[in-house]
Amino acid sequence: VAFSVRGRGFASVTKDGRVQLHLPQEETDAALAAHPTGE
């Protein structure tokens, strides 16, 4: 399952239930710090 804005994907869900989000590096770093099970 995937979501896009004007054809550019920004979020999806893998079959094993992981949400994948396209984020800038600083947002990714903050998300990794806040969510230990994230990668």
PDB file of all heavy atoms in Angstrom:
ATOM      1  N   VAL A   1       0.884  -1.164   0.000  1.00  0.00           N
ATOM      2  CA  VAL A   1       0.000   0.000   0.000  1.00  0.00           C
ATOM      3  C   VAL A   1       0.922   1.214   0.000  1.00  0.00           C
ATOM      4  O   VAL A   1       1.846   1.290   0.807  1.00  0.00           O
ATOM      5  CB  VAL A   1      -0.910   0.014   1.239  1.00  0.00           C
ATOM      6  CG1 VAL A   1      -1.715   1.293   1.301  1.00  0.00           C
ATOM      7  CG2 VAL A   1      -1.819  -1.201   1.245  1.00  0.00           C
ATOM      8  N   ALA A   2       0.698   2.134  -0.932  1.00  0.00           N
ATOM      9  CA  ALA A   2       1.599   3.286  -1.051  1.00  0.00           C
ATOM     10  C   ALA A   2       0.799   4.560  -1.287  1.00  0.00           C
ATOM     11  O   ALA A   2      -0.298   4.536  -1.847  1.00  0.00           O
ATOM     12  CB  ALA A   2       2.569   3.062  -2.212  1.00  0.00           C
ATOM     13  N   PHE A   3       1.384   5.681  -0.855  1.00  0.00           N
ATOM     14  CA  PHE A   3       0.744   6.983  -0.982  1.00  0.00           C
ATOM     15  C   PHE A   3       1.708   7.933  -1.678  1.00  0.00           C
ATOM     16  O   PHE A   3       2.900   7.951  -1.381  1.00  0.00           O
ATOM     17  CB  PHE A   3       0.358   7.523   0.395  1.00  0.00           C
ATOM     18  CG  PHE A   3      -0.574   6.599   1.124  1.00  0.00           C
ATOM     19  CD1 PHE A   3      -0.079   5.631   1.980  1.00  0.00           C
ATOM     20  CD2 PHE A   3      -1.944   6.672   0.927  1.00  0.00           C
ATOM     21  CE1 PHE A   3      -0.928   4.754   2.632  1.00  0.00           C
ATOM     22  CE2 PHE A   3      -2.800   5.797   1.570  1.00  0.00           C
ATOM     23  CZ  PHE A   3      -2.289   4.835   2.425  1.00  0.00           C
ATOM     24  N   SER A   4       1.153   8.716  -2.591  1.00  0.00           N
ATOM     25  CA  SER A   4       1.992   9.656  -3.343  1.00  0.00           C
ATOM     26  C   SER A   4       1.283  10.992  -3.475  1.00  0.00           C
ATOM     27  O   SER A   4       0.069  11.087  -3.340  1.00  0.00           O
ATOM     28  CB  SER A   4       2.306   9.093  -4.728  1.00  0.00           C
ATOM     29  OG  SER A   4       1.117   8.937  -5.477  1.00  0.00           O
ATOM     30  N   VAL A   5       2.073  12.020  -3.742  1.00  0.00           N
ATOM     31  CA  VAL A   5       1.562  13.349  -4.032  1.00  0.00           C
ATOM     32  C   VAL A   5       2.118  13.728  -5.398  1.00  0.00           C
ATOM     33  O   VAL A   5       3.331  13.754  -5.589  1.00  0.00           O
ATOM     34  CB  VAL A   5       1.914  14.372  -2.931  1.00  0.00           C
ATOM     35  CG1 VAL A   5       3.401  14.433  -2.636  1.00  0.00           C
ATOM     36  CG2 VAL A   5       1.380  15.751  -3.283  1.00  0.00           C
ATOM     37  N   ARG A   6       1.212  13.931  -6.346  1.00  0.00           N
ATOM     38  CA  ARG A   6       1.584  14.232  -7.728  1.00  0.00           C
ATOM     39  C   ARG A   6       2.631  13.249  -8.261  1.00  0.00           C
ATOM     40  O   ARG A   6       3.618  13.628  -8.873  1.00  0.00           O
ATOM     41  CB  ARG A   6       2.067  15.658  -7.866  1.00  0.00           C
ATOM     42  CG  ARG A   6       0.939  16.665  -7.672  1.00  0.00           C
ATOM     43  CD  ARG A   6       1.280  17.992  -8.246  1.00  0.00           C
ATOM     44  NE  ARG A   6       0.243  18.955  -7.912  1.00  0.00           N
ATOM     45  CZ  ARG A   6       0.430  20.253  -7.925  1.00  0.00           C
ATOM     46  NH1 ARG A   6       1.587  20.759  -8.267  1.00  0.00           N
ATOM     47  NH2 ARG A   6      -0.558  21.061  -7.615  1.00  0.00           N
ATOM     48  N   GLY A   7       2.387  11.969  -7.990  1.00  0.00           N
ATOM     49  CA  GLY A   7       3.231  10.918  -8.525  1.00  0.00           C
ATOM     50  C   GLY A   7       4.515  10.648  -7.756  1.00  0.00           C
ATOM     51  O   GLY A   7       5.271   9.756  -8.119  1.00  0.00           O
ATOM     52  N   ARG A   8       4.762  11.384  -6.693  1.00  0.00           N
ATOM     53  CA  ARG A   8       5.980  11.181  -5.898  1.00  0.00           C
ATOM     54  C   ARG A   8       5.618  10.484  -4.594  1.00  0.00           C
ATOM     55  O   ARG A   8       4.936  11.056  -3.747  1.00  0.00           O
ATOM     56  CB  ARG A   8       6.660  12.514  -5.615  1.00  0.00           C
ATOM     57  CG  ARG A   8       7.098  13.209  -6.908  1.00  0.00           C
ATOM     58  CD  ARG A   8       7.884  14.432  -6.655  1.00  0.00           C
ATOM     59  NE  ARG A   8       9.196  14.025  -6.143  1.00  0.00           N
ATOM     60  CZ  ARG A   8      10.044  14.847  -5.547  1.00  0.00           C
ATOM     61  NH1 ARG A   8       9.726  16.111  -5.382  1.00  0.00           N
ATOM     62  NH2 ARG A   8      11.201  14.419  -5.109  1.00  0.00           N
ATOM     63  N   GLY A   9       6.082   9.253  -4.436  1.00  0.00           N
ATOM     64  CA  GLY A   9       5.778   8.473  -3.247  1.00  0.00           C
ATOM     65  C   GLY A   9       6.386   9.081  -2.005  1.00  0.00           C
ATOM     66  O   GLY A   9       7.518   9.566  -2.024  1.00  0.00           O
ATOM     67  N   PHE A  10       5.627   9.051  -0.914  1.00  0.00           N
ATOM     68  CA  PHE A  10       6.150   9.567   0.355  1.00  0.00           C
ATOM     69  C   PHE A  10       5.883   8.627   1.525  1.00  0.00           C
ATOM     70  O   PHE A  10       6.510   8.756   2.569  1.00  0.00           O
ATOM     71  CB  PHE A  10       5.625  10.976   0.660  1.00  0.00           C
ATOM     72  CG  PHE A  10       4.150  11.051   0.971  1.00  0.00           C
ATOM     73  CD1 PHE A  10       3.686  11.018   2.269  1.00  0.00           C
ATOM     74  CD2 PHE A  10       3.230  11.169  -0.055  1.00  0.00           C
ATOM     75  CE1 PHE A  10       2.339  11.093   2.551  1.00  0.00           C
ATOM     76  CE2 PHE A  10       1.878  11.245   0.209  1.00  0.00           C
ATOM     77  CZ  PHE A  10       1.419  11.208   1.529  1.00  0.00           C
ATOM     78  N   ALA A  11       4.981   7.668   1.376  1.00  0.00           N
ATOM     79  CA  ALA A  11       4.696   6.725   2.455  1.00  0.00           C
ATOM     80  C   ALA A  11       4.223   5.408   1.868  1.00  0.00           C
ATOM     81  O   ALA A  11       3.534   5.388   0.841  1.00  0.00           O
ATOM     82  CB  ALA A  11       3.627   7.292   3.393  1.00  0.00           C
ATOM     83  N   SER A  12       4.596   4.318   2.526  1.00  0.00           N
ATOM     84  CA  SER A  12       4.119   3.000   2.113  1.00  0.00           C
ATOM     85  C   SER A  12       4.153   2.076   3.320  1.00  0.00           C
ATOM     86  O   SER A  12       4.741   2.396   4.353  1.00  0.00           O
ATOM     87  CB  SER A  12       4.981   2.436   0.976  1.00  0.00           C
ATOM     88  OG  SER A  12       6.325   2.300   1.389  1.00  0.00           O
ATOM     89  N   VAL A  13       3.490   0.929   3.177  1.00  0.00           N
ATOM     90  CA  VAL A  13       3.459  -0.070   4.243  1.00  0.00           C
ATOM     91  C   VAL A  13       3.878  -1.400   3.648  1.00  0.00           C
ATOM     92  O   VAL A  13       3.298  -1.860   2.666  1.00  0.00           O
ATOM     93  CB  VAL A  13       2.055  -0.207   4.865  1.00  0.00           C
ATOM     94  CG1 VAL A  13       2.050  -1.249   5.962  1.00  0.00           C
ATOM     95  CG2 VAL A  13       1.571   1.109   5.404  1.00  0.00           C
ATOM     96  N   THR A  14       4.893  -2.018   4.246  1.00  0.00           N
ATOM     97  CA  THR A  14       5.362  -3.321   3.777  1.00  0.00           C
ATOM     98  C   THR A  14       4.360  -4.391   4.185  1.00  0.00           C
ATOM     99  O   THR A  14       3.519  -4.172   5.064  1.00  0.00           O
ATOM    100  CB  THR A  14       6.743  -3.662   4.365  1.00  0.00           C
ATOM    101  OG1 THR A  14       6.619  -3.779   5.784  1.00  0.00           O
ATOM    102  CG2 THR A  14       7.776  -2.607   4.008  1.00  0.00           C
ATOM    103  N   LYS A  15       4.482  -5.559   3.575  1.00  0.00           N
ATOM    104  CA  LYS A  15       3.568  -6.651   3.898  1.00  0.00           C
ATOM    105  C   LYS A  15       3.722  -7.116   5.338  1.00  0.00           C
ATOM    106  O   LYS A  15       2.792  -7.664   5.913  1.00  0.00           O
ATOM    107  CB  LYS A  15       3.776  -7.806   2.931  1.00  0.00           C
ATOM    108  CG  LYS A  15       3.308  -7.447   1.534  1.00  0.00           C
ATOM    109  CD  LYS A  15       3.411  -8.588   0.577  1.00  0.00           C
ATOM    110  CE  LYS A  15       2.940  -8.090  -0.779  1.00  0.00           C
ATOM    111  NZ  LYS A  15       2.849  -9.113  -1.767  1.00  0.00           N
ATOM    112  N   ASP A  16       4.902  -6.882   5.941  1.00  0.00           N
ATOM    113  CA  ASP A  16       5.088  -7.275   7.338  1.00  0.00           C
ATOM    114  C   ASP A  16       4.728  -6.152   8.319  1.00  0.00           C
ATOM    115  O   ASP A  16       5.050  -6.221   9.503  1.00  0.00           O
ATOM    116  CB  ASP A  16       6.501  -7.798   7.594  1.00  0.00           C
ATOM    117  CG  ASP A  16       7.584  -6.750   7.410  1.00  0.00           C
ATOM    118  OD1 ASP A  16       7.286  -5.654   6.891  1.00  0.00           O
ATOM    119  OD2 ASP A  16       8.742  -7.023   7.785  1.00  0.00           O
ATOM    120  N   GLY A  17       4.049  -5.095   7.847  1.00  0.00           N
ATOM    121  CA  GLY A  17       3.502  -4.071   8.729  1.00  0.00           C
ATOM    122  C   GLY A  17       4.453  -2.959   9.138  1.00  0.00           C
ATOM    123  O   GLY A  17       4.284  -2.345  10.182  1.00  0.00           O
ATOM    124  N   ARG A  18       5.437  -2.661   8.309  1.00  0.00           N
ATOM    125  CA  ARG A  18       6.353  -1.549   8.595  1.00  0.00           C
ATOM    126  C   ARG A  18       5.974  -0.365   7.703  1.00  0.00           C
ATOM    127  O   ARG A  18       5.800  -0.517   6.508  1.00  0.00           O
ATOM    128  CB  ARG A  18       7.797  -1.941   8.321  1.00  0.00           C
ATOM    129  CG  ARG A  18       8.309  -3.011   9.246  1.00  0.00           C
ATOM    130  CD  ARG A  18       9.741  -3.396   8.865  1.00  0.00           C
ATOM    131  NE  ARG A  18      10.245  -4.408   9.747  1.00  0.00           N
ATOM    132  CZ  ARG A  18      10.897  -4.159  10.871  1.00  0.00           C
ATOM    133  NH1 ARG A  18      11.127  -2.925  11.249  1.00  0.00           N
ATOM    134  NH2 ARG A  18      11.327  -5.136  11.626  1.00  0.00           N
ATOM    135  N   VAL A  19       5.877   0.803   8.320  1.00  0.00           N
ATOM    136  CA  VAL A  19       5.608   2.008   7.551  1.00  0.00           C
ATOM    137  C   VAL A  19       6.946   2.573   7.104  1.00  0.00           C
ATOM    138  O   VAL A  19       7.910   2.624   7.873  1.00  0.00           O
ATOM    139  CB  VAL A  19       4.781   3.045   8.343  1.00  0.00           C
ATOM    140  CG1 VAL A  19       5.506   3.533   9.566  1.00  0.00           C
ATOM    141  CG2 VAL A  19       4.395   4.219   7.465  1.00  0.00           C
ATOM    142  N   GLN A  20       7.009   2.951   5.837  1.00  0.00           N
ATOM    143  CA  GLN A  20       8.210   3.537   5.249  1.00  0.00           C
ATOM    144  C   GLN A  20       7.888   4.959   4.836  1.00  0.00           C
ATOM    145  O   GLN A  20       6.909   5.193   4.127  1.00  0.00           O
ATOM    146  CB  GLN A  20       8.666   2.731   4.029  1.00  0.00           C
ATOM    147  CG  GLN A  20       8.949   1.300   4.326  1.00  0.00           C
ATOM    148  CD  GLN A  20       9.477   0.528   3.134  1.00  0.00           C
ATOM    149  OE1 GLN A  20      10.403  -0.227   3.291  1.00  0.00           O
ATOM    150  NE2 GLN A  20       8.914   0.714   1.958  1.00  0.00           N
ATOM    151  N   LEU A  21       8.709   5.904   5.292  1.00  0.00           N
ATOM    152  CA  LEU A  21       8.457   7.316   5.027  1.00  0.00           C
ATOM    153  C   LEU A  21       9.694   7.960   4.427  1.00  0.00           C
ATOM    154  O   LEU A  21      10.795   7.831   4.966  1.00  0.00           O
ATOM    155  CB  LEU A  21       8.094   8.031   6.333  1.00  0.00           C
ATOM    156  CG  LEU A  21       6.844   7.489   7.026  1.00  0.00           C
ATOM    157  CD1 LEU A  21       6.838   7.855   8.486  1.00  0.00           C
ATOM    158  CD2 LEU A  21       5.610   8.000   6.328  1.00  0.00           C
ATOM    159  N   HIS A  22       9.509   8.652   3.306  1.00  0.00           N
ATOM    160  CA  HIS A  22      10.604   9.415   2.694  1.00  0.00           C
ATOM    161  C   HIS A  22      10.754  10.699   3.497  1.00  0.00           C
ATOM    162  O   HIS A  22       9.819  11.496   3.574  1.00  0.00           O
ATOM    163  CB  HIS A  22      10.272   9.755   1.237  1.00  0.00           C
ATOM    164  CG  HIS A  22      10.393   8.590   0.329  1.00  0.00           C
ATOM    165  ND1 HIS A  22      11.488   8.390  -0.455  1.00  0.00           N
ATOM    166  CD2 HIS A  22       9.559   7.549   0.093  1.00  0.00           C
ATOM    167  CE1 HIS A  22      11.337   7.285  -1.152  1.00  0.00           C
ATOM    168  NE2 HIS A  22      10.162   6.751  -0.837  1.00  0.00           N
ATOM    169  N   LEU A  23      11.925  10.881   4.103  1.00  0.00           N
ATOM    170  CA  LEU A  23      12.150  12.035   4.964  1.00  0.00           C
ATOM    171  C   LEU A  23      13.528  12.628   4.715  1.00  0.00           C
ATOM    172  O   LEU A  23      14.466  11.899   4.385  1.00  0.00           O
ATOM    173  CB  LEU A  23      12.080  11.628   6.445  1.00  0.00           C
ATOM    174  CG  LEU A  23      10.736  11.170   6.982  1.00  0.00           C
ATOM    175  CD1 LEU A  23      10.903  10.531   8.353  1.00  0.00           C
ATOM    176  CD2 LEU A  23       9.777  12.341   7.057  1.00  0.00           C
ATOM    177  N   PRO A  24      13.675  13.933   4.924  1.00  0.00           N
ATOM    178  CA  PRO A  24      15.009  14.531   4.884  1.00  0.00           C
ATOM    179  C   PRO A  24      15.859  13.952   6.026  1.00  0.00           C
ATOM    180  O   PRO A  24      15.328  13.431   7.007  1.00  0.00           O
ATOM    181  CB  PRO A  24      14.760  16.024   5.102  1.00  0.00           C
ATOM    182  CG  PRO A  24      13.296  16.231   5.001  1.00  0.00           C
ATOM    183  CD  PRO A  24      12.626  14.908   5.183  1.00  0.00           C
ATOM    184  N   GLN A  25      17.172  14.080   5.899  1.00  0.00           N
ATOM    185  CA  GLN A  25      18.081  13.468   6.860  1.00  0.00           C
ATOM    186  C   GLN A  25      17.831  13.909   8.300  1.00  0.00           C
ATOM    187  O   GLN A  25      17.810  13.089   9.208  1.00  0.00           O
ATOM    188  CB  GLN A  25      19.543  13.742   6.471  1.00  0.00           C
ATOM    189  CG  GLN A  25      20.533  12.948   7.295  1.00  0.00           C
ATOM    190  CD  GLN A  25      20.368  11.438   7.148  1.00  0.00           C
ATOM    191  OE1 GLN A  25      20.297  10.934   6.031  1.00  0.00           O
ATOM    192  NE2 GLN A  25      20.285  10.719   8.256  1.00  0.00           N
ATOM    193  N   GLU A  26      17.605  15.215   8.535  1.00  0.00           N
ATOM    194  CA  GLU A  26      17.399  15.666   9.911  1.00  0.00           C
ATOM    195  C   GLU A  26      16.124  15.090  10.512  1.00  0.00           C
ATOM    196  O   GLU A  26      16.081  14.759  11.704  1.00  0.00           O
ATOM    197  CB  GLU A  26      17.438  17.194  10.039  1.00  0.00           C
ATOM    198  CG  GLU A  26      16.341  17.934   9.302  1.00  0.00           C
ATOM    199  CD  GLU A  26      16.667  18.306   7.855  1.00  0.00           C
ATOM    200  OE1 GLU A  26      17.742  17.955   7.355  1.00  0.00           O
ATOM    201  OE2 GLU A  26      15.817  18.964   7.238  1.00  0.00           O
ATOM    202  N   GLU A  27      15.083  14.936   9.706  1.00  0.00           N
ATOM    203  CA  GLU A  27      13.837  14.320  10.186  1.00  0.00           C
ATOM    204  C   GLU A  27      14.059  12.834  10.461  1.00  0.00           C
ATOM    205  O   GLU A  27      13.541  12.286  11.429  1.00  0.00           O
ATOM    206  CB  GLU A  27      12.714  14.492   9.153  1.00  0.00           C
ATOM    207  CG  GLU A  27      12.328  15.923   8.877  1.00  0.00           C
ATOM    208  CD  GLU A  27      11.337  16.474   9.871  1.00  0.00           C
ATOM    209  OE1 GLU A  27      10.825  15.715  10.716  1.00  0.00           O
ATOM    210  OE2 GLU A  27      11.086  17.683   9.800  1.00  0.00           O
ATOM    211  N   THR A  28      14.833  12.182   9.601  1.00  0.00           N
ATOM    212  CA  THR A  28      15.149  10.768   9.795  1.00  0.00           C
ATOM    213  C   THR A  28      15.925  10.573  11.084  1.00  0.00           C
ATOM    214  O   THR A  28      15.620   9.674  11.878  1.00  0.00           O
ATOM    215  CB  THR A  28      15.959  10.227   8.595  1.00  0.00           C
ATOM    216  OG1 THR A  28      15.163  10.339   7.411  1.00  0.00           O
ATOM    217  CG2 THR A  28      16.346   8.773   8.800  1.00  0.00           C
ATOM    218  N   ASP A  29      16.919  11.422  11.330  1.00  0.00           N
ATOM    219  CA  ASP A  29      17.717  11.320  12.556  1.00  0.00           C
ATOM    220  C   ASP A  29      16.845  11.487  13.790  1.00  0.00           C
ATOM    221  O   ASP A  29      16.988  10.734  14.766  1.00  0.00           O
ATOM    222  CB  ASP A  29      18.837  12.365  12.550  1.00  0.00           C
ATOM    223  CG  ASP A  29      19.886  12.097  11.479  1.00  0.00           C
ATOM    224  OD1 ASP A  29      19.956  10.956  10.972  1.00  0.00           O
ATOM    225  OD2 ASP A  29      20.627  13.047  11.148  1.00  0.00           O
ATOM    226  N   ALA A  30      15.940  12.445  13.760  1.00  0.00           N
ATOM    227  CA  ALA A  30      15.044  12.670  14.902  1.00  0.00           C
ATOM    228  C   ALA A  30      14.119  11.470  15.105  1.00  0.00           C
ATOM    229  O   ALA A  30      13.886  11.044  16.244  1.00  0.00           O
ATOM    230  CB  ALA A  30      14.233  13.944  14.694  1.00  0.00           C
ATOM    231  N   ALA A  31      13.599  10.912  14.018  1.00  0.00           N
ATOM    232  CA  ALA A  31      12.710   9.753  14.117  1.00  0.00           C
ATOM    233  C   ALA A  31      13.460   8.543  14.662  1.00  0.00           C
ATOM    234  O   ALA A  31      12.928   7.798  15.493  1.00  0.00           O
ATOM    235  CB  ALA A  31      12.107   9.441  12.750  1.00  0.00           C
ATOM    236  N   LEU A  32      14.691   8.352  14.223  1.00  0.00           N
ATOM    237  CA  LEU A  32      15.494   7.234  14.727  1.00  0.00           C
ATOM    238  C   LEU A  32      15.769   7.384  16.219  1.00  0.00           C
ATOM    239  O   LEU A  32      15.741   6.397  16.963  1.00  0.00           O
ATOM    240  CB  LEU A  32      16.809   7.136  13.951  1.00  0.00           C
ATOM    241  CG  LEU A  32      16.687   6.623  12.516  1.00  0.00           C
ATOM    242  CD1 LEU A  32      17.978   6.865  11.750  1.00  0.00           C
ATOM    243  CD2 LEU A  32      16.307   5.154  12.502  1.00  0.00           C
ATOM    244  N   ALA A  33      16.017   8.603  16.663  1.00  0.00           N
ATOM    245  CA  ALA A  33      16.275   8.846  18.085  1.00  0.00           C
ATOM    246  C   ALA A  33      15.027   8.605  18.922  1.00  0.00           C
ATOM    247  O   ALA A  33      15.107   8.110  20.052  1.00  0.00           O
ATOM    248  CB  ALA A  33      16.774  10.276  18.285  1.00  0.00           C
ATOM    249  N   ALA A  34      13.852   8.925  18.382  1.00  0.00           N
ATOM    250  CA  ALA A  34      12.595   8.795  19.118  1.00  0.00           C
ATOM    251  C   ALA A  34      12.018   7.384  19.096  1.00  0.00           C
ATOM    252  O   ALA A  34      11.216   7.024  19.959  1.00  0.00           O
ATOM    253  CB  ALA A  34      11.567   9.777  18.571  1.00  0.00           C
ATOM    254  N   HIS A  35      12.400   6.594  18.111  1.00  0.00           N
ATOM    255  CA  HIS A  35      11.805   5.262  17.929  1.00  0.00           C
ATOM    256  C   HIS A  35      12.896   4.210  17.794  1.00  0.00           C
ATOM    257  O   HIS A  35      13.403   3.975  16.691  1.00  0.00           O
ATOM    258  CB  HIS A  35      10.885   5.257  16.711  1.00  0.00           C
ATOM    259  CG  HIS A  35       9.815   6.282  16.781  1.00  0.00           C
ATOM    260  ND1 HIS A  35       8.706   6.140  17.577  1.00  0.00           N
ATOM    261  CD2 HIS A  35       9.705   7.499  16.202  1.00  0.00           C
ATOM    262  CE1 HIS A  35       7.950   7.223  17.468  1.00  0.00           C
ATOM    263  NE2 HIS A  35       8.534   8.060  16.652  1.00  0.00           N
ATOM    264  N   PRO A  36      13.236   3.540  18.889  1.00  0.00           N
ATOM    265  CA  PRO A  36      14.349   2.591  18.869  1.00  0.00           C
ATOM    266  C   PRO A  36      14.164   1.402  17.927  1.00  0.00           C
ATOM    267  O   PRO A  36      15.149   0.802  17.494  1.00  0.00           O
ATOM    268  CB  PRO A  36      14.459   2.129  20.320  1.00  0.00           C
ATOM    269  CG  PRO A  36      13.288   2.650  21.044  1.00  0.00           C
ATOM    270  CD  PRO A  36      12.647   3.686  20.199  1.00  0.00           C
ATOM    271  N   THR A  37      12.925   1.064  17.583  1.00  0.00           N
ATOM    272  CA  THR A  37      12.719  -0.060  16.665  1.00  0.00           C
ATOM    273  C   THR A  37      12.753   0.388  15.213  1.00  0.00           C
ATOM    274  O   THR A  37      12.625  -0.436  14.309  1.00  0.00           O
ATOM    275  CB  THR A  37      11.376  -0.775  16.944  1.00  0.00           C
ATOM    276  OG1 THR A  37      10.317   0.180  16.813  1.00  0.00           O
ATOM    277  CG2 THR A  37      11.369  -1.394  18.327  1.00  0.00           C
ATOM    278  N   GLY A  38      12.912   1.683  14.983  1.00  0.00           N
ATOM    279  CA  GLY A  38      13.000   2.207  13.624  1.00  0.00           C
ATOM    280  C   GLY A  38      14.373   1.969  13.037  1.00  0.00           C
ATOM    281  O   GLY A  38      15.338   1.666  13.742  1.00  0.00           O
ATOM    282  N   GLU A  39      14.436   2.126  11.730  1.00  0.00           N
ATOM    283  CA  GLU A  39      15.708   1.965  11.034  1.00  0.00           C
ATOM    284  C   GLU A  39      15.731   2.892   9.830  1.00  0.00           C
ATOM    285  O   GLU A  39      14.677   3.289   9.322  1.00  0.00           O
ATOM    286  CB  GLU A  39      15.911   0.514  10.597  1.00  0.00           C
ATOM    287  CG  GLU A  39      14.816   0.002   9.666  1.00  0.00           C
ATOM    288  CD  GLU A  39      14.887  -1.503   9.412  1.00  0.00           C
ATOM    289  OE1 GLU A  39      15.432  -2.222  10.268  1.00  0.00           O
ATOM    290  OE2 GLU A  39      14.390  -1.933   8.373  1.00  0.00           O
TER     291      GLU A  39
END
